[in-house]
Amino acid sequence: MVQMIPLFGPIPGGMEMMVILLIAVLLFGANKIPKLARSTGEAMGEFKKGRQEIETELEEMTDPDVSPSESEVNRNDASVDTDTSDTSEA
């Protein structure tokens, strides 16, 4: 029988997590923890979006027969000026 050894050591249990939470509250304060969690979530979302864009670009570079993805077409359409009002008449 092979015994598996965890890569990062034992996973903290309930009491250890309470101590970690207490230390986090003491370091950052109770008011800053939700802001910190929110900014961390936003950063992770931006990272995932950037990773997806890079994967799409690499896929297009390796297979040039593939047409641009739907998101790129929408992004290019949004950058075009859609203001058609004529302000030159006075």
N, C-alpha and C. Protein backbone atom coordinates (compact mmCIF):
# COMPACT_ATOMS: atom_id res chain seq x y z
N MET A 1 0.84 -1.18 0.00
CA MET A 1 0.00 0.00 0.00
C MET A 1 0.89 1.25 0.00
N VAL A 2 0.59 2.18 -0.89
CA VAL A 2 1.38 3.40 -1.03
C VAL A 2 0.71 4.51 -0.23
N GLN A 3 1.50 5.17 0.63
CA GLN A 3 0.96 6.27 1.41
C GLN A 3 1.24 7.57 0.67
N MET A 4 0.20 8.38 0.47
CA MET A 4 0.35 9.65 -0.24
C MET A 4 0.74 10.73 0.75
N ILE A 5 1.74 11.51 0.39
CA ILE A 5 2.21 12.61 1.24
C ILE A 5 1.71 13.91 0.61
N PRO A 6 0.99 14.74 1.38
CA PRO A 6 0.50 16.01 0.82
C PRO A 6 1.66 16.91 0.40
N LEU A 7 1.46 17.65 -0.67
CA LEU A 7 2.50 18.51 -1.22
C LEU A 7 2.81 19.68 -0.31
N PHE A 8 1.77 20.29 0.27
CA PHE A 8 1.96 21.49 1.09
C PHE A 8 1.75 21.22 2.57
N GLY A 9 1.78 20.00 3.00
CA GLY A 9 1.59 19.69 4.40
C GLY A 9 0.11 19.45 4.69
N PRO A 10 -0.20 19.30 5.97
CA PRO A 10 -1.59 19.01 6.33
C PRO A 10 -2.51 20.20 6.07
N ILE A 11 -3.74 19.91 5.74
CA ILE A 11 -4.74 20.95 5.50
C ILE A 11 -5.26 21.42 6.85
N PRO A 12 -5.29 22.75 7.08
CA PRO A 12 -5.75 23.24 8.38
C PRO A 12 -7.21 22.87 8.64
N GLY A 13 -7.48 22.50 9.89
CA GLY A 13 -8.82 22.12 10.29
C GLY A 13 -9.59 23.33 10.82
N GLY A 14 -10.66 23.05 11.56
CA GLY A 14 -11.54 24.10 12.06
C GLY A 14 -10.85 25.07 13.01
N MET A 15 -10.13 24.58 13.99
CA MET A 15 -9.49 25.46 14.97
C MET A 15 -8.38 26.28 14.32
N GLU A 16 -7.61 25.67 13.43
CA GLU A 16 -6.55 26.41 12.75
C GLU A 16 -7.13 27.52 11.87
N MET A 17 -8.25 27.22 11.21
CA MET A 17 -8.89 28.25 10.38
C MET A 17 -9.41 29.41 11.22
N MET A 18 -9.90 29.12 12.42
CA MET A 18 -10.36 30.19 13.32
C MET A 18 -9.19 31.09 13.72
N VAL A 19 -8.03 30.49 14.00
CA VAL A 19 -6.85 31.27 14.37
C VAL A 19 -6.41 32.14 13.19
N ILE A 20 -6.42 31.57 11.99
CA ILE A 20 -6.04 32.34 10.79
C ILE A 20 -7.01 33.49 10.57
N LEU A 21 -8.31 33.26 10.74
CA LEU A 21 -9.31 34.31 10.59
C LEU A 21 -9.11 35.41 11.64
N LEU A 22 -8.82 35.03 12.87
CA LEU A 22 -8.58 36.01 13.93
C LEU A 22 -7.37 36.87 13.61
N ILE A 23 -6.30 36.25 13.12
CA ILE A 23 -5.10 37.01 12.76
C ILE A 23 -5.40 37.96 11.60
N ALA A 24 -6.19 37.51 10.62
CA ALA A 24 -6.54 38.37 9.49
C ALA A 24 -7.35 39.58 9.96
N VAL A 25 -8.28 39.37 10.89
CA VAL A 25 -9.08 40.49 11.42
C VAL A 25 -8.19 41.45 12.18
N LEU A 26 -7.25 40.94 12.94
CA LEU A 26 -6.35 41.81 13.70
C LEU A 26 -5.43 42.61 12.77
N LEU A 27 -4.97 41.98 11.68
CA LEU A 27 -4.06 42.67 10.77
C LEU A 27 -4.77 43.71 9.91
N PHE A 28 -5.92 43.32 9.33
CA PHE A 28 -6.56 44.19 8.35
C PHE A 28 -7.73 44.97 8.92
N GLY A 29 -8.29 44.54 10.01
CA GLY A 29 -9.47 45.19 10.55
C GLY A 29 -10.71 44.61 9.91
N ALA A 30 -11.80 44.61 10.67
CA ALA A 30 -13.04 43.99 10.19
C ALA A 30 -13.61 44.72 8.98
N ASN A 31 -13.39 46.02 8.86
CA ASN A 31 -13.97 46.79 7.75
C ASN A 31 -13.26 46.52 6.44
N LYS A 32 -11.99 46.20 6.48
CA LYS A 32 -11.20 46.05 5.25
C LYS A 32 -11.29 44.65 4.64
N ILE A 33 -11.69 43.66 5.40
CA ILE A 33 -11.70 42.28 4.89
C ILE A 33 -12.67 42.12 3.72
N PRO A 34 -13.93 42.64 3.76
CA PRO A 34 -14.79 42.51 2.58
C PRO A 34 -14.23 43.23 1.35
N LYS A 35 -13.62 44.39 1.55
CA LYS A 35 -13.02 45.12 0.43
C LYS A 35 -11.85 44.33 -0.16
N LEU A 36 -11.07 43.72 0.73
CA LEU A 36 -9.93 42.91 0.27
C LEU A 36 -10.41 41.70 -0.52
N ALA A 37 -11.47 41.05 -0.03
CA ALA A 37 -12.01 39.89 -0.73
C ALA A 37 -12.59 40.29 -2.08
N ARG A 38 -13.28 41.43 -2.13
CA ARG A 38 -13.87 41.90 -3.38
C ARG A 38 -12.79 42.22 -4.41
N SER A 39 -11.75 42.93 -3.98
CA SER A 39 -10.69 43.27 -4.93
C SER A 39 -9.93 42.03 -5.39
N THR A 40 -9.78 41.06 -4.51
CA THR A 40 -9.14 39.80 -4.91
C THR A 40 -9.99 39.08 -5.95
N GLY A 41 -11.31 39.05 -5.76
CA GLY A 41 -12.20 38.42 -6.73
C GLY A 41 -12.16 39.12 -8.08
N GLU A 42 -12.14 40.46 -8.06
CA GLU A 42 -12.07 41.20 -9.32
C GLU A 42 -10.75 40.93 -10.04
N ALA A 43 -9.66 40.87 -9.28
CA ALA A 43 -8.36 40.60 -9.89
C ALA A 43 -8.34 39.20 -10.51
N MET A 44 -8.93 38.23 -9.83
CA MET A 44 -8.99 36.88 -10.38
C MET A 44 -9.83 36.85 -11.65
N GLY A 45 -10.93 37.61 -11.67
CA GLY A 45 -11.76 37.67 -12.88
C GLY A 45 -11.01 38.28 -14.05
N GLU A 46 -10.27 39.36 -13.80
CA GLU A 46 -9.47 39.97 -14.86
C GLU A 46 -8.39 39.03 -15.35
N PHE A 47 -7.77 38.30 -14.44
CA PHE A 47 -6.74 37.34 -14.82
C PHE A 47 -7.32 36.25 -15.72
N LYS A 48 -8.49 35.73 -15.36
CA LYS A 48 -9.13 34.69 -16.15
C LYS A 48 -9.51 35.22 -17.54
N LYS A 49 -10.00 36.46 -17.59
CA LYS A 49 -10.38 37.04 -18.88
C LYS A 49 -9.14 37.22 -19.76
N GLY A 50 -8.06 37.71 -19.18
CA GLY A 50 -6.82 37.89 -19.94
C GLY A 50 -6.26 36.57 -20.42
N ARG A 51 -6.32 35.55 -19.57
CA ARG A 51 -5.85 34.22 -19.96
C ARG A 51 -6.66 33.67 -21.12
N GLN A 52 -7.99 33.88 -21.07
CA GLN A 52 -8.85 33.39 -22.15
C GLN A 52 -8.54 34.11 -23.46
N GLU A 53 -8.30 35.43 -23.40
CA GLU A 53 -7.95 36.17 -24.61
C GLU A 53 -6.64 35.68 -25.21
N ILE A 54 -5.66 35.41 -24.37
CA ILE A 54 -4.37 34.93 -24.86
C ILE A 54 -4.52 33.54 -25.47
N GLU A 55 -5.31 32.67 -24.83
CA GLU A 55 -5.53 31.34 -25.39
C GLU A 55 -6.22 31.43 -26.75
N THR A 56 -7.18 32.36 -26.89
CA THR A 56 -7.87 32.54 -28.16
C THR A 56 -6.90 33.02 -29.24
N GLU A 57 -6.04 33.99 -28.89
CA GLU A 57 -5.07 34.50 -29.85
C GLU A 57 -4.08 33.41 -30.27
N LEU A 58 -3.62 32.61 -29.31
CA LEU A 58 -2.70 31.53 -29.66
C LEU A 58 -3.37 30.50 -30.56
N GLU A 59 -4.64 30.21 -30.28
CA GLU A 59 -5.38 29.26 -31.11
C GLU A 59 -5.52 29.79 -32.53
N GLU A 60 -5.78 31.09 -32.66
CA GLU A 60 -5.92 31.68 -34.00
C GLU A 60 -4.58 31.70 -34.73
N MET A 61 -3.48 31.88 -33.99
CA MET A 61 -2.16 31.90 -34.62
C MET A 61 -1.78 30.51 -35.12
N THR A 62 -2.17 29.48 -34.40
CA THR A 62 -1.81 28.13 -34.80
C THR A 62 -2.71 27.60 -35.91
N ASP A 63 -3.94 28.12 -35.99
CA ASP A 63 -4.89 27.68 -37.01
C ASP A 63 -5.46 28.91 -37.71
N PRO A 64 -4.77 29.42 -38.75
CA PRO A 64 -5.19 30.66 -39.40
C PRO A 64 -6.50 30.54 -40.17
N ASP A 65 -7.00 29.31 -40.42
CA ASP A 65 -8.25 29.14 -41.15
C ASP A 65 -9.47 29.47 -40.29
N VAL A 66 -9.28 29.56 -38.98
CA VAL A 66 -10.39 29.84 -38.08
C VAL A 66 -10.73 31.31 -38.17
N SER A 67 -12.02 31.63 -38.32
CA SER A 67 -12.45 33.03 -38.39
C SER A 67 -12.37 33.64 -37.00
N PRO A 68 -12.34 34.99 -36.91
CA PRO A 68 -12.28 35.65 -35.61
C PRO A 68 -13.44 35.22 -34.73
N SER A 69 -13.18 35.14 -33.44
CA SER A 69 -14.23 34.70 -32.52
C SER A 69 -15.32 35.76 -32.42
N GLU A 70 -16.47 35.35 -31.92
CA GLU A 70 -17.63 36.23 -31.81
C GLU A 70 -17.32 37.42 -30.91
N SER A 71 -16.56 37.21 -29.84
CA SER A 71 -16.26 38.30 -28.92
C SER A 71 -15.39 39.36 -29.58
N GLU A 72 -14.46 38.95 -30.44
CA GLU A 72 -13.61 39.93 -31.12
C GLU A 72 -14.42 40.76 -32.10
N VAL A 73 -15.37 40.15 -32.78
CA VAL A 73 -16.21 40.88 -33.72
C VAL A 73 -17.04 41.91 -32.96
N ASN A 74 -17.61 41.52 -31.82
CA ASN A 74 -18.40 42.44 -31.02
C ASN A 74 -17.54 43.56 -30.47
N ARG A 75 -16.31 43.26 -30.06
CA ARG A 75 -15.42 44.28 -29.52
C ARG A 75 -15.08 45.30 -30.61
N ASN A 76 -14.85 44.83 -31.86
CA ASN A 76 -14.53 45.75 -32.95
C ASN A 76 -15.73 46.60 -33.32
N ASP A 77 -16.94 46.04 -33.30
CA ASP A 77 -18.14 46.80 -33.61
C ASP A 77 -18.40 47.88 -32.58
N ALA A 78 -18.09 47.63 -31.32
CA ALA A 78 -18.34 48.59 -30.26
C ALA A 78 -17.39 49.78 -30.37
N SER A 79 -16.23 49.59 -30.96
CA SER A 79 -15.27 50.68 -31.06
C SER A 79 -15.57 51.63 -32.22
N VAL A 80 -16.44 51.23 -33.13
CA VAL A 80 -16.81 52.08 -34.26
C VAL A 80 -17.75 53.16 -33.78
N ASP A 81 -17.54 54.39 -34.24
CA ASP A 81 -18.39 55.51 -33.82
C ASP A 81 -19.76 55.35 -34.46
N THR A 82 -20.80 55.27 -33.63
CA THR A 82 -22.15 55.06 -34.13
C THR A 82 -22.97 56.35 -34.15
N ASP A 83 -22.33 57.48 -33.87
CA ASP A 83 -23.04 58.75 -33.86
C ASP A 83 -23.24 59.22 -35.29
N THR A 84 -24.50 59.19 -35.76
CA THR A 84 -24.79 59.56 -37.15
C THR A 84 -25.47 60.92 -37.24
N SER A 85 -25.64 61.60 -36.13
CA SER A 85 -26.30 62.91 -36.19
C SER A 85 -25.40 63.91 -36.87
N ASP A 86 -25.99 64.74 -37.70
CA ASP A 86 -25.24 65.74 -38.46
C ASP A 86 -25.31 67.05 -37.70
N THR A 87 -24.20 67.51 -37.17
CA THR A 87 -24.18 68.74 -36.39
C THR A 87 -23.63 69.89 -37.22
N SER A 88 -23.35 69.66 -38.49
CA SER A 88 -22.78 70.72 -39.31
C SER A 88 -23.84 71.72 -39.77
N GLU A 89 -25.12 71.32 -39.73
CA GLU A 89 -26.17 72.25 -40.12
C GLU A 89 -26.46 73.20 -38.98
N ALA A 90 -26.32 74.51 -39.24
CA ALA A 90 -26.58 75.49 -38.18
C ALA A 90 -27.47 76.58 -38.66
